[in-house]
Amino acid sequence: MTDRAWRDFSRSFRTDGLPKILSSGVCLAVVGGDGTDVDVKQAAELGAMLLLDKPIILVCTPGAVIPSRLRRAADVVIEEWHPDNPDAQDRMAAALRRLTGESAHG
């Protein structure tokens, strides 16, 4: 059963996740929780982002524990992010502009 689950995950990652990362100019990773639970899908995505030298925006939910090495690997860390917070939205837009080289007016 475990071998089948890994095979299915690997196939899904190669056909869905990896092409998205390859085609992205900037990658986004969302971190939440206390840092004690490892999400295998997120770990694979972050590993691919690093191996492909993609710029990474690390978006952290309120109260999230961010491992120090992950923080250093990210190009931008947006802490205390919530989609309903206008300040958080502004910080996200500024990070995207910075990493894509776009001006404030596109």
PDB file of N, CA and C in Angstrom:
ATOM      1  N   MET A   1       0.822  -1.195   0.000  1.00  0.00           N
ATOM      2  CA  MET A   1       0.000   0.000   0.000  1.00  0.00           C
ATOM      3  C   MET A   1       0.864   1.258   0.000  1.00  0.00           C
ATOM      4  N   THR A   2       1.909   1.266   0.821  1.00  0.00           N
ATOM      5  CA  THR A   2       2.780   2.433   0.882  1.00  0.00           C
ATOM      6  C   THR A   2       3.473   2.660  -0.458  1.00  0.00           C
ATOM      7  N   ASP A   3       3.965   1.595  -1.081  1.00  0.00           N
ATOM      8  CA  ASP A   3       4.635   1.738  -2.376  1.00  0.00           C
ATOM      9  C   ASP A   3       3.684   2.343  -3.411  1.00  0.00           C
ATOM     10  N   ARG A   4       2.438   1.929  -3.388  1.00  0.00           N
ATOM     11  CA  ARG A   4       1.446   2.463  -4.330  1.00  0.00           C
ATOM     12  C   ARG A   4       1.193   3.949  -4.054  1.00  0.00           C
ATOM     13  N   ALA A   5       1.109   4.306  -2.779  1.00  0.00           N
ATOM     14  CA  ALA A   5       0.887   5.708  -2.420  1.00  0.00           C
ATOM     15  C   ALA A   5       2.043   6.580  -2.890  1.00  0.00           C
ATOM     16  N   TRP A   6       3.279   6.109  -2.701  1.00  0.00           N
ATOM     17  CA  TRP A   6       4.443   6.878  -3.147  1.00  0.00           C
ATOM     18  C   TRP A   6       4.491   6.972  -4.666  1.00  0.00           C
ATOM     19  N   ARG A   7       4.166   5.870  -5.336  1.00  0.00           N
ATOM     20  CA  ARG A   7       4.147   5.872  -6.799  1.00  0.00           C
ATOM     21  C   ARG A   7       3.107   6.870  -7.308  1.00  0.00           C
ATOM     22  N   ASP A   8       1.927   6.870  -6.692  1.00  0.00           N
ATOM     23  CA  ASP A   8       0.873   7.806  -7.093  1.00  0.00           C
ATOM     24  C   ASP A   8       1.286   9.247  -6.822  1.00  0.00           C
ATOM     25  N   PHE A   9       1.902   9.480  -5.667  1.00  0.00           N
ATOM     26  CA  PHE A   9       2.360  10.826  -5.338  1.00  0.00           C
ATOM     27  C   PHE A   9       3.427  11.278  -6.331  1.00  0.00           C
ATOM     28  N   SER A  10       4.380  10.404  -6.608  1.00  0.00           N
ATOM     29  CA  SER A  10       5.461  10.745  -7.534  1.00  0.00           C
ATOM     30  C   SER A  10       4.909  11.065  -8.918  1.00  0.00           C
ATOM     31  N   ARG A  11       3.988  10.262  -9.385  1.00  0.00           N
ATOM     32  CA  ARG A  11       3.380  10.503 -10.699  1.00  0.00           C
ATOM     33  C   ARG A  11       2.640  11.845 -10.698  1.00  0.00           C
ATOM     34  N   SER A  12       1.874  12.087  -9.663  1.00  0.00           N
ATOM     35  CA  SER A  12       1.126  13.342  -9.566  1.00  0.00           C
ATOM     36  C   SER A  12       2.066  14.546  -9.526  1.00  0.00           C
ATOM     37  N   PHE A  13       3.139  14.427  -8.760  1.00  0.00           N
ATOM     38  CA  PHE A  13       4.089  15.535  -8.658  1.00  0.00           C
ATOM     39  C   PHE A  13       4.757  15.802 -10.009  1.00  0.00           C
ATOM     40  N   ARG A  14       5.169  14.746 -10.695  1.00  0.00           N
ATOM     41  CA  ARG A  14       5.839  14.909 -11.985  1.00  0.00           C
ATOM     42  C   ARG A  14       4.908  15.469 -13.057  1.00  0.00           C
ATOM     43  N   THR A  15       3.631  15.091 -13.023  1.00  0.00           N
ATOM     44  CA  THR A  15       2.714  15.525 -14.079  1.00  0.00           C
ATOM     45  C   THR A  15       1.971  16.809 -13.761  1.00  0.00           C
ATOM     46  N   ASP A  16       1.850  17.156 -12.483  1.00  0.00           N
ATOM     47  CA  ASP A  16       1.080  18.345 -12.110  1.00  0.00           C
ATOM     48  C   ASP A  16       1.929  19.402 -11.410  1.00  0.00           C
ATOM     49  N   GLY A  17       2.547  19.028 -10.321  1.00  0.00           N
ATOM     50  CA  GLY A  17       3.288  20.001  -9.513  1.00  0.00           C
ATOM     51  C   GLY A  17       4.547  20.529 -10.165  1.00  0.00           C
ATOM     52  N   LEU A  18       5.393  19.639 -10.655  1.00  0.00           N
ATOM     53  CA  LEU A  18       6.673  20.060 -11.227  1.00  0.00           C
ATOM     54  C   LEU A  18       6.517  20.953 -12.457  1.00  0.00           C
ATOM     55  N   PRO A  19       5.605  20.652 -13.396  1.00  0.00           N
ATOM     56  CA  PRO A  19       5.428  21.566 -14.527  1.00  0.00           C
ATOM     57  C   PRO A  19       5.006  22.977 -14.093  1.00  0.00           C
ATOM     58  N   LYS A  20       4.224  23.080 -13.048  1.00  0.00           N
ATOM     59  CA  LYS A  20       3.815  24.397 -12.556  1.00  0.00           C
ATOM     60  C   LYS A  20       5.015  25.160 -12.003  1.00  0.00           C
ATOM     61  N   ILE A  21       5.858  24.464 -11.269  1.00  0.00           N
ATOM     62  CA  ILE A  21       7.051  25.105 -10.723  1.00  0.00           C
ATOM     63  C   ILE A  21       7.995  25.506 -11.856  1.00  0.00           C
ATOM     64  N   LEU A  22       8.181  24.622 -12.824  1.00  0.00           N
ATOM     65  CA  LEU A  22       9.054  24.925 -13.957  1.00  0.00           C
ATOM     66  C   LEU A  22       8.597  26.151 -14.733  1.00  0.00           C
ATOM     67  N   SER A  23       7.291  26.329 -14.873  1.00  0.00           N
ATOM     68  CA  SER A  23       6.776  27.443 -15.669  1.00  0.00           C
ATOM     69  C   SER A  23       6.612  28.736 -14.880  1.00  0.00           C
ATOM     70  N   SER A  24       6.833  28.693 -13.579  1.00  0.00           N
ATOM     71  CA  SER A  24       6.652  29.878 -12.743  1.00  0.00           C
ATOM     72  C   SER A  24       7.911  30.723 -12.684  1.00  0.00           C
ATOM     73  N   GLY A  25       7.719  32.038 -12.766  1.00  0.00           N
ATOM     74  CA  GLY A  25       8.834  32.952 -12.588  1.00  0.00           C
ATOM     75  C   GLY A  25       9.160  33.153 -11.123  1.00  0.00           C
ATOM     76  N   VAL A  26       8.142  33.050 -10.278  1.00  0.00           N
ATOM     77  CA  VAL A  26       8.258  33.203  -8.831  1.00  0.00           C
ATOM     78  C   VAL A  26       7.398  32.122  -8.200  1.00  0.00           C
ATOM     79  N   CYS A  27       7.896  31.496  -7.147  1.00  0.00           N
ATOM     80  CA  CYS A  27       7.141  30.446  -6.463  1.00  0.00           C
ATOM     81  C   CYS A  27       6.705  30.928  -5.083  1.00  0.00           C
ATOM     82  N   LEU A  28       5.594  30.408  -4.652  1.00  0.00           N
ATOM     83  CA  LEU A  28       5.003  30.792  -3.381  1.00  0.00           C
ATOM     84  C   LEU A  28       4.879  29.558  -2.506  1.00  0.00           C
ATOM     85  N   ALA A  29       5.268  29.674  -1.258  1.00  0.00           N
ATOM     86  CA  ALA A  29       5.098  28.593  -0.291  1.00  0.00           C
ATOM     87  C   ALA A  29       4.400  29.170   0.934  1.00  0.00           C
ATOM     88  N   VAL A  30       3.359  28.501   1.386  1.00  0.00           N
ATOM     89  CA  VAL A  30       2.611  28.942   2.562  1.00  0.00           C
ATOM     90  C   VAL A  30       3.027  28.084   3.745  1.00  0.00           C
ATOM     91  N   VAL A  31       3.385  28.754   4.844  1.00  0.00           N
ATOM     92  CA  VAL A  31       3.805  28.053   6.052  1.00  0.00           C
ATOM     93  C   VAL A  31       2.837  28.404   7.170  1.00  0.00           C
ATOM     94  N   GLY A  32       2.362  27.381   7.845  1.00  0.00           N
ATOM     95  CA  GLY A  32       1.489  27.563   8.998  1.00  0.00           C
ATOM     96  C   GLY A  32       1.849  26.528  10.037  1.00  0.00           C
ATOM     97  N   GLY A  33       1.293  26.651  11.191  1.00  0.00           N
ATOM     98  CA  GLY A  33       1.522  25.665  12.235  1.00  0.00           C
ATOM     99  C   GLY A  33       2.753  25.929  13.060  1.00  0.00           C
ATOM    100  N   ASP A  34       3.052  24.933  13.888  1.00  0.00           N
ATOM    101  CA  ASP A  34       4.138  25.111  14.853  1.00  0.00           C
ATOM    102  C   ASP A  34       5.468  24.514  14.407  1.00  0.00           C
ATOM    103  N   GLY A  35       5.532  24.032  13.169  1.00  0.00           N
ATOM    104  CA  GLY A  35       6.783  23.522  12.634  1.00  0.00           C
ATOM    105  C   GLY A  35       7.094  22.086  12.999  1.00  0.00           C
ATOM    106  N   THR A  36       6.168  21.376  13.645  1.00  0.00           N
ATOM    107  CA  THR A  36       6.438  19.997  14.038  1.00  0.00           C
ATOM    108  C   THR A  36       5.896  18.974  13.045  1.00  0.00           C
ATOM    109  N   ASP A  37       5.028  19.378  12.125  1.00  0.00           N
ATOM    110  CA  ASP A  37       4.440  18.463  11.160  1.00  0.00           C
ATOM    111  C   ASP A  37       5.048  18.726   9.783  1.00  0.00           C
ATOM    112  N   VAL A  38       5.524  17.670   9.128  1.00  0.00           N
ATOM    113  CA  VAL A  38       6.120  17.815   7.802  1.00  0.00           C
ATOM    114  C   VAL A  38       5.095  17.417   6.744  1.00  0.00           C
ATOM    115  N   ASP A  39       4.814  18.340   5.841  1.00  0.00           N
ATOM    116  CA  ASP A  39       3.927  18.085   4.713  1.00  0.00           C
ATOM    117  C   ASP A  39       4.811  17.624   3.556  1.00  0.00           C
ATOM    118  N   VAL A  40       4.681  16.363   3.159  1.00  0.00           N
ATOM    119  CA  VAL A  40       5.553  15.777   2.141  1.00  0.00           C
ATOM    120  C   VAL A  40       5.410  16.503   0.808  1.00  0.00           C
ATOM    121  N   LYS A  41       4.204  16.867   0.434  1.00  0.00           N
ATOM    122  CA  LYS A  41       3.986  17.584  -0.823  1.00  0.00           C
ATOM    123  C   LYS A  41       4.706  18.934  -0.787  1.00  0.00           C
ATOM    124  N   GLN A  42       4.566  19.651   0.314  1.00  0.00           N
ATOM    125  CA  GLN A  42       5.239  20.940   0.439  1.00  0.00           C
ATOM    126  C   GLN A  42       6.753  20.772   0.429  1.00  0.00           C
ATOM    127  N   ALA A  43       7.246  19.733   1.082  1.00  0.00           N
ATOM    128  CA  ALA A  43       8.690  19.483   1.098  1.00  0.00           C
ATOM    129  C   ALA A  43       9.208  19.221  -0.318  1.00  0.00           C
ATOM    130  N   ALA A  44       8.474  18.441  -1.097  1.00  0.00           N
ATOM    131  CA  ALA A  44       8.876  18.163  -2.482  1.00  0.00           C
ATOM    132  C   ALA A  44       8.847  19.443  -3.310  1.00  0.00           C
ATOM    133  N   GLU A  45       7.805  20.249  -3.136  1.00  0.00           N
ATOM    134  CA  GLU A  45       7.694  21.506  -3.883  1.00  0.00           C
ATOM    135  C   GLU A  45       8.832  22.454  -3.524  1.00  0.00           C
ATOM    136  N   LEU A  46       9.100  22.622  -2.230  1.00  0.00           N
ATOM    137  CA  LEU A  46      10.192  23.507  -1.809  1.00  0.00           C
ATOM    138  C   LEU A  46      11.538  22.998  -2.317  1.00  0.00           C
ATOM    139  N   GLY A  47      11.743  21.686  -2.257  1.00  0.00           N
ATOM    140  CA  GLY A  47      12.986  21.116  -2.775  1.00  0.00           C
ATOM    141  C   GLY A  47      13.158  21.406  -4.255  1.00  0.00           C
ATOM    142  N   ALA A  48      12.086  21.254  -5.022  1.00  0.00           N
ATOM    143  CA  ALA A  48      12.153  21.541  -6.464  1.00  0.00           C
ATOM    144  C   ALA A  48      12.423  23.021  -6.700  1.00  0.00           C
ATOM    145  N   MET A  49      11.772  23.883  -5.930  1.00  0.00           N
ATOM    146  CA  MET A  49      12.000  25.326  -6.078  1.00  0.00           C
ATOM    147  C   MET A  49      13.471  25.657  -5.856  1.00  0.00           C
ATOM    148  N   LEU A  50      14.064  25.057  -4.833  1.00  0.00           N
ATOM    149  CA  LEU A  50      15.476  25.313  -4.532  1.00  0.00           C
ATOM    150  C   LEU A  50      16.383  24.730  -5.610  1.00  0.00           C
ATOM    151  N   LEU A  51      16.117  23.500  -6.033  1.00  0.00           N
ATOM    152  CA  LEU A  51      16.952  22.864  -7.053  1.00  0.00           C
ATOM    153  C   LEU A  51      16.882  23.586  -8.390  1.00  0.00           C
ATOM    154  N   LEU A  52      15.734  24.192  -8.677  1.00  0.00           N
ATOM    155  CA  LEU A  52      15.551  24.920  -9.931  1.00  0.00           C
ATOM    156  C   LEU A  52      15.911  26.398  -9.804  1.00  0.00           C
ATOM    157  N   ASP A  53      16.383  26.792  -8.626  1.00  0.00           N
ATOM    158  CA  ASP A  53      16.814  28.165  -8.359  1.00  0.00           C
ATOM    159  C   ASP A  53      15.708  29.186  -8.618  1.00  0.00           C
ATOM    160  N   LYS A  54      14.482  28.845  -8.205  1.00  0.00           N
ATOM    161  CA  LYS A  54      13.342  29.739  -8.383  1.00  0.00           C
ATOM    162  C   LYS A  54      13.276  30.729  -7.225  1.00  0.00           C
ATOM    163  N   PRO A  55      12.910  31.974  -7.497  1.00  0.00           N
ATOM    164  CA  PRO A  55      12.673  32.913  -6.404  1.00  0.00           C
ATOM    165  C   PRO A  55      11.490  32.412  -5.571  1.00  0.00           C
ATOM    166  N   ILE A  56      11.615  32.510  -4.248  1.00  0.00           N
ATOM    167  CA  ILE A  56      10.590  31.984  -3.348  1.00  0.00           C
ATOM    168  C   ILE A  56      10.040  33.087  -2.459  1.00  0.00           C
ATOM    169  N   ILE A  57       8.715  33.211  -2.461  1.00  0.00           N
ATOM    170  CA  ILE A  57       8.017  34.050  -1.494  1.00  0.00           C
ATOM    171  C   ILE A  57       7.447  33.104  -0.453  1.00  0.00           C
ATOM    172  N   LEU A  58       7.862  33.278   0.775  1.00  0.00           N
ATOM    173  CA  LEU A  58       7.385  32.468   1.881  1.00  0.00           C
ATOM    174  C   LEU A  58       6.289  33.244   2.595  1.00  0.00           C
ATOM    175  N   VAL A  59       5.088  32.727   2.540  1.00  0.00           N
ATOM    176  CA  VAL A  59       3.926  33.382   3.141  1.00  0.00           C
ATOM    177  C   VAL A  59       3.599  32.645   4.430  1.00  0.00           C
ATOM    178  N   CYS A  60       3.610  33.369   5.536  1.00  0.00           N
ATOM    179  CA  CYS A  60       3.445  32.742   6.846  1.00  0.00           C
ATOM    180  C   CYS A  60       2.157  33.216   7.508  1.00  0.00           C
ATOM    181  N   THR A  61       1.353  32.253   7.898  1.00  0.00           N
ATOM    182  CA  THR A  61       0.105  32.579   8.577  1.00  0.00           C
ATOM    183  C   THR A  61       0.407  33.063   9.992  1.00  0.00           C
ATOM    184  N   PRO A  62      -0.528  33.787  10.608  1.00  0.00           N
ATOM    185  CA  PRO A  62      -0.293  34.266  11.976  1.00  0.00           C
ATOM    186  C   PRO A  62       0.072  33.120  12.928  1.00  0.00           C
ATOM    187  N   GLY A  63       1.144  33.331  13.674  1.00  0.00           N
ATOM    188  CA  GLY A  63       1.588  32.345  14.656  1.00  0.00           C
ATOM    189  C   GLY A  63       2.446  31.229  14.097  1.00  0.00           C
ATOM    190  N   ALA A  64       2.698  31.220  12.793  1.00  0.00           N
ATOM    191  CA  ALA A  64       3.493  30.150  12.182  1.00  0.00           C
ATOM    192  C   ALA A  64       4.928  30.189  12.682  1.00  0.00           C
ATOM    193  N   VAL A  65       5.485  29.021  12.874  1.00  0.00           N
ATOM    194  CA  VAL A  65       6.894  28.889  13.226  1.00  0.00           C
ATOM    195  C   VAL A  65       7.648  28.637  11.926  1.00  0.00           C
ATOM    196  N   ILE A  66       8.623  29.493  11.646  1.00  0.00           N
ATOM    197  CA  ILE A  66       9.374  29.411  10.403  1.00  0.00           C
ATOM    198  C   ILE A  66      10.778  28.899  10.718  1.00  0.00           C
ATOM    199  N   PRO A  67      11.135  27.725  10.222  1.00  0.00           N
ATOM    200  CA  PRO A  67      12.495  27.226  10.464  1.00  0.00           C
ATOM    201  C   PRO A  67      13.533  28.207   9.912  1.00  0.00           C
ATOM    202  N   SER A  68      14.617  28.384  10.644  1.00  0.00           N
ATOM    203  CA  SER A  68      15.614  29.387  10.262  1.00  0.00           C
ATOM    204  C   SER A  68      16.221  29.115   8.889  1.00  0.00           C
ATOM    205  N   ARG A  69      16.463  27.886   8.538  1.00  0.00           N
ATOM    206  CA  ARG A  69      17.048  27.579   7.231  1.00  0.00           C
ATOM    207  C   ARG A  69      16.059  27.856   6.107  1.00  0.00           C
ATOM    208  N   LEU A  70      14.789  27.610   6.347  1.00  0.00           N
ATOM    209  CA  LEU A  70      13.768  27.929   5.349  1.00  0.00           C
ATOM    210  C   LEU A  70      13.681  29.439   5.171  1.00  0.00           C
ATOM    211  N   ARG A  71      13.744  30.177   6.258  1.00  0.00           N
ATOM    212  CA  ARG A  71      13.714  31.643   6.192  1.00  0.00           C
ATOM    213  C   ARG A  71      14.879  32.159   5.350  1.00  0.00           C
ATOM    214  N   ARG A  72      16.060  31.592   5.538  1.00  0.00           N
ATOM    215  CA  ARG A  72      17.239  32.033   4.778  1.00  0.00           C
ATOM    216  C   ARG A  72      17.117  31.679   3.297  1.00  0.00           C
ATOM    217  N   ALA A  73      16.445  30.600   2.974  1.00  0.00           N
ATOM    218  CA  ALA A  73      16.304  30.172   1.581  1.00  0.00           C
ATOM    219  C   ALA A  73      15.312  31.034   0.808  1.00  0.00           C
ATOM    220  N   ALA A  74      14.366  31.651   1.512  1.00  0.00           N
ATOM    221  CA  ALA A  74      13.336  32.450   0.847  1.00  0.00           C
ATOM    222  C   ALA A  74      13.899  33.800   0.412  1.00  0.00           C
ATOM    223  N   ASP A  75      13.427  34.273  -0.729  1.00  0.00           N
ATOM    224  CA  ASP A  75      13.820  35.603  -1.200  1.00  0.00           C
ATOM    225  C   ASP A  75      13.052  36.682  -0.447  1.00  0.00           C
ATOM    226  N   VAL A  76      11.802  36.389  -0.141  1.00  0.00           N
ATOM    227  CA  VAL A  76      10.948  37.309   0.609  1.00  0.00           C
ATOM    228  C   VAL A  76      10.147  36.486   1.609  1.00  0.00           C
ATOM    229  N   VAL A  77      10.046  36.988   2.838  1.00  0.00           N
ATOM    230  CA  VAL A  77       9.213  36.361   3.865  1.00  0.00           C
ATOM    231  C   VAL A  77       8.118  37.356   4.233  1.00  0.00           C
ATOM    232  N   ILE A  78       6.882  36.934   4.067  1.00  0.00           N
ATOM    233  CA  ILE A  78       5.742  37.768   4.445  1.00  0.00           C
ATOM    234  C   ILE A  78       5.120  37.128   5.684  1.00  0.00           C
ATOM    235  N   GLU A  79       5.342  37.747   6.815  1.00  0.00           N
ATOM    236  CA  GLU A  79       4.836  37.202   8.070  1.00  0.00           C
ATOM    237  C   GLU A  79       3.452  37.752   8.378  1.00  0.00           C
ATOM    238  N   GLU A  80       2.754  37.011   9.231  1.00  0.00           N
ATOM    239  CA  GLU A  80       1.418  37.416   9.685  1.00  0.00           C
ATOM    240  C   GLU A  80       0.498  37.723   8.512  1.00  0.00           C
ATOM    241  N   TRP A  81       0.535  36.864   7.502  1.00  0.00           N
ATOM    242  CA  TRP A  81      -0.262  37.091   6.300  1.00  0.00           C
ATOM    243  C   TRP A  81      -1.670  36.546   6.474  1.00  0.00           C
ATOM    244  N   HIS A  82      -2.629  37.329   6.054  1.00  0.00           N
ATOM    245  CA  HIS A  82      -4.031  36.900   6.015  1.00  0.00           C
ATOM    246  C   HIS A  82      -4.657  37.525   4.777  1.00  0.00           C
ATOM    247  N   PRO A  83      -5.428  36.761   3.998  1.00  0.00           N
ATOM    248  CA  PRO A  83      -5.949  37.284   2.730  1.00  0.00           C
ATOM    249  C   PRO A  83      -6.880  38.475   2.875  1.00  0.00           C
ATOM    250  N   ASP A  84      -7.477  38.656   4.033  1.00  0.00           N
ATOM    251  CA  ASP A  84      -8.400  39.776   4.240  1.00  0.00           C
ATOM    252  C   ASP A  84      -7.717  41.041   4.745  1.00  0.00           C
ATOM    253  N   ASN A  85      -6.416  40.970   4.990  1.00  0.00           N
ATOM    254  CA  ASN A  85      -5.677  42.095   5.536  1.00  0.00           C
ATOM    255  C   ASN A  85      -5.084  42.923   4.390  1.00  0.00           C
ATOM    256  N   PRO A  86      -5.541  44.173   4.209  1.00  0.00           N
ATOM    257  CA  PRO A  86      -5.019  45.007   3.112  1.00  0.00           C
ATOM    258  C   PRO A  86      -3.499  45.207   3.177  1.00  0.00           C
ATOM    259  N   ASP A  87      -2.952  45.330   4.378  1.00  0.00           N
ATOM    260  CA  ASP A  87      -1.503  45.484   4.520  1.00  0.00           C
ATOM    261  C   ASP A  87      -0.781  44.240   4.004  1.00  0.00           C
ATOM    262  N   ALA A  88      -1.306  43.063   4.319  1.00  0.00           N
ATOM    263  CA  ALA A  88      -0.712  41.821   3.847  1.00  0.00           C
ATOM    264  C   ALA A  88      -0.797  41.726   2.323  1.00  0.00           C
ATOM    265  N   GLN A  89      -1.910  42.165   1.765  1.00  0.00           N
ATOM    266  CA  GLN A  89      -2.069  42.174   0.312  1.00  0.00           C
ATOM    267  C   GLN A  89      -1.054  43.110  -0.334  1.00  0.00           C
ATOM    268  N   ASP A  90      -0.840  44.267   0.277  1.00  0.00           N
ATOM    269  CA  ASP A  90       0.151  45.220  -0.235  1.00  0.00           C
ATOM    270  C   ASP A  90       1.562  44.645  -0.170  1.00  0.00           C
ATOM    271  N   ARG A  91       1.877  43.944   0.933  1.00  0.00           N
ATOM    272  CA  ARG A  91       3.204  43.333   1.062  1.00  0.00           C
ATOM    273  C   ARG A  91       3.410  42.244   0.014  1.00  0.00           C
ATOM    274  N   MET A  92       2.345  41.489  -0.277  1.00  0.00           N
ATOM    275  CA  MET A  92       2.431  40.448  -1.305  1.00  0.00           C
ATOM    276  C   MET A  92       2.661  41.081  -2.678  1.00  0.00           C
ATOM    277  N   ALA A  93       1.919  42.125  -2.991  1.00  0.00           N
ATOM    278  CA  ALA A  93       2.070  42.804  -4.283  1.00  0.00           C
ATOM    279  C   ALA A  93       3.477  43.381  -4.421  1.00  0.00           C
ATOM    280  N   ALA A  94       3.993  43.983  -3.357  1.00  0.00           N
ATOM    281  CA  ALA A  94       5.343  44.552  -3.395  1.00  0.00           C
ATOM    282  C   ALA A  94       6.388  43.457  -3.605  1.00  0.00           C
ATOM    283  N   ALA A  95       6.207  42.310  -2.959  1.00  0.00           N
ATOM    284  CA  ALA A  95       7.147  41.197  -3.119  1.00  0.00           C
ATOM    285  C   ALA A  95       7.136  40.686  -4.561  1.00  0.00           C
ATOM    286  N   LEU A  96       5.954  40.555  -5.128  1.00  0.00           N
ATOM    287  CA  LEU A  96       5.850  40.096  -6.520  1.00  0.00           C
ATOM    288  C   LEU A  96       6.503  41.086  -7.478  1.00  0.00           C
ATOM    289  N   ARG A  97       6.273  42.378  -7.250  1.00  0.00           N
ATOM    290  CA  ARG A  97       6.903  43.397  -8.104  1.00  0.00           C
ATOM    291  C   ARG A  97       8.417  43.326  -7.990  1.00  0.00           C
ATOM    292  N   ARG A  98       8.901  43.193  -6.777  1.00  0.00           N
ATOM    293  CA  ARG A  98      10.351  43.149  -6.557  1.00  0.00           C
ATOM    294  C   ARG A  98      10.979  41.947  -7.263  1.00  0.00           C
ATOM    295  N   LEU A  99      10.342  40.788  -7.138  1.00  0.00           N
ATOM    296  CA  LEU A  99      10.939  39.568  -7.692  1.00  0.00           C
ATOM    297  C   LEU A  99      10.731  39.415  -9.191  1.00  0.00           C
ATOM    298  N   THR A 100       9.727  40.089  -9.742  1.00  0.00           N
ATOM    299  CA  THR A 100       9.503  40.005 -11.185  1.00  0.00           C
ATOM    300  C   THR A 100      10.078  41.207 -11.905  1.00  0.00           C
ATOM    301  N   GLY A 101      10.542  42.216 -11.164  1.00  0.00           N
ATOM    302  CA  GLY A 101      11.132  43.380 -11.767  1.00  0.00           C
ATOM    303  C   GLY A 101      10.114  44.339 -12.361  1.00  0.00           C
ATOM    304  N   GLU A 102       8.850  44.174 -11.999  1.00  0.00           N
ATOM    305  CA  GLU A 102       7.820  45.058 -12.523  1.00  0.00           C
ATOM    306  C   GLU A 102       7.762  46.360 -11.726  1.00  0.00           C
ATOM    307  N   SER A 103       7.338  47.415 -12.383  1.00  0.00           N
ATOM    308  CA  SER A 103       7.167  48.695 -11.699  1.00  0.00           C
ATOM    309  C   SER A 103       5.853  48.673 -10.941  1.00  0.00           C
ATOM    310  N   ALA A 104       5.623  49.655 -10.137  1.00  0.00           N
ATOM    311  CA  ALA A 104       4.397  49.756  -9.358  1.00  0.00           C
ATOM    312  C   ALA A 104       3.171  49.855 -10.252  1.00  0.00           C
ATOM    313  N   HIS A 105       3.339  50.262 -11.510  1.00  0.00           N
ATOM    314  CA  HIS A 105       2.212  50.423 -12.422  1.00  0.00           C
ATOM    315  C   HIS A 105       2.176  49.331 -13.492  1.00  0.00           C
ATOM    316  N   GLY A 106       2.912  48.222 -13.282  1.00  0.00           N
ATOM    317  CA  GLY A 106       2.881  47.113 -14.218  1.00  0.00           C
ATOM    318  C   GLY A 106       3.934  47.238 -15.234  1.00  0.00           C
TER     319      GLY A 106
END
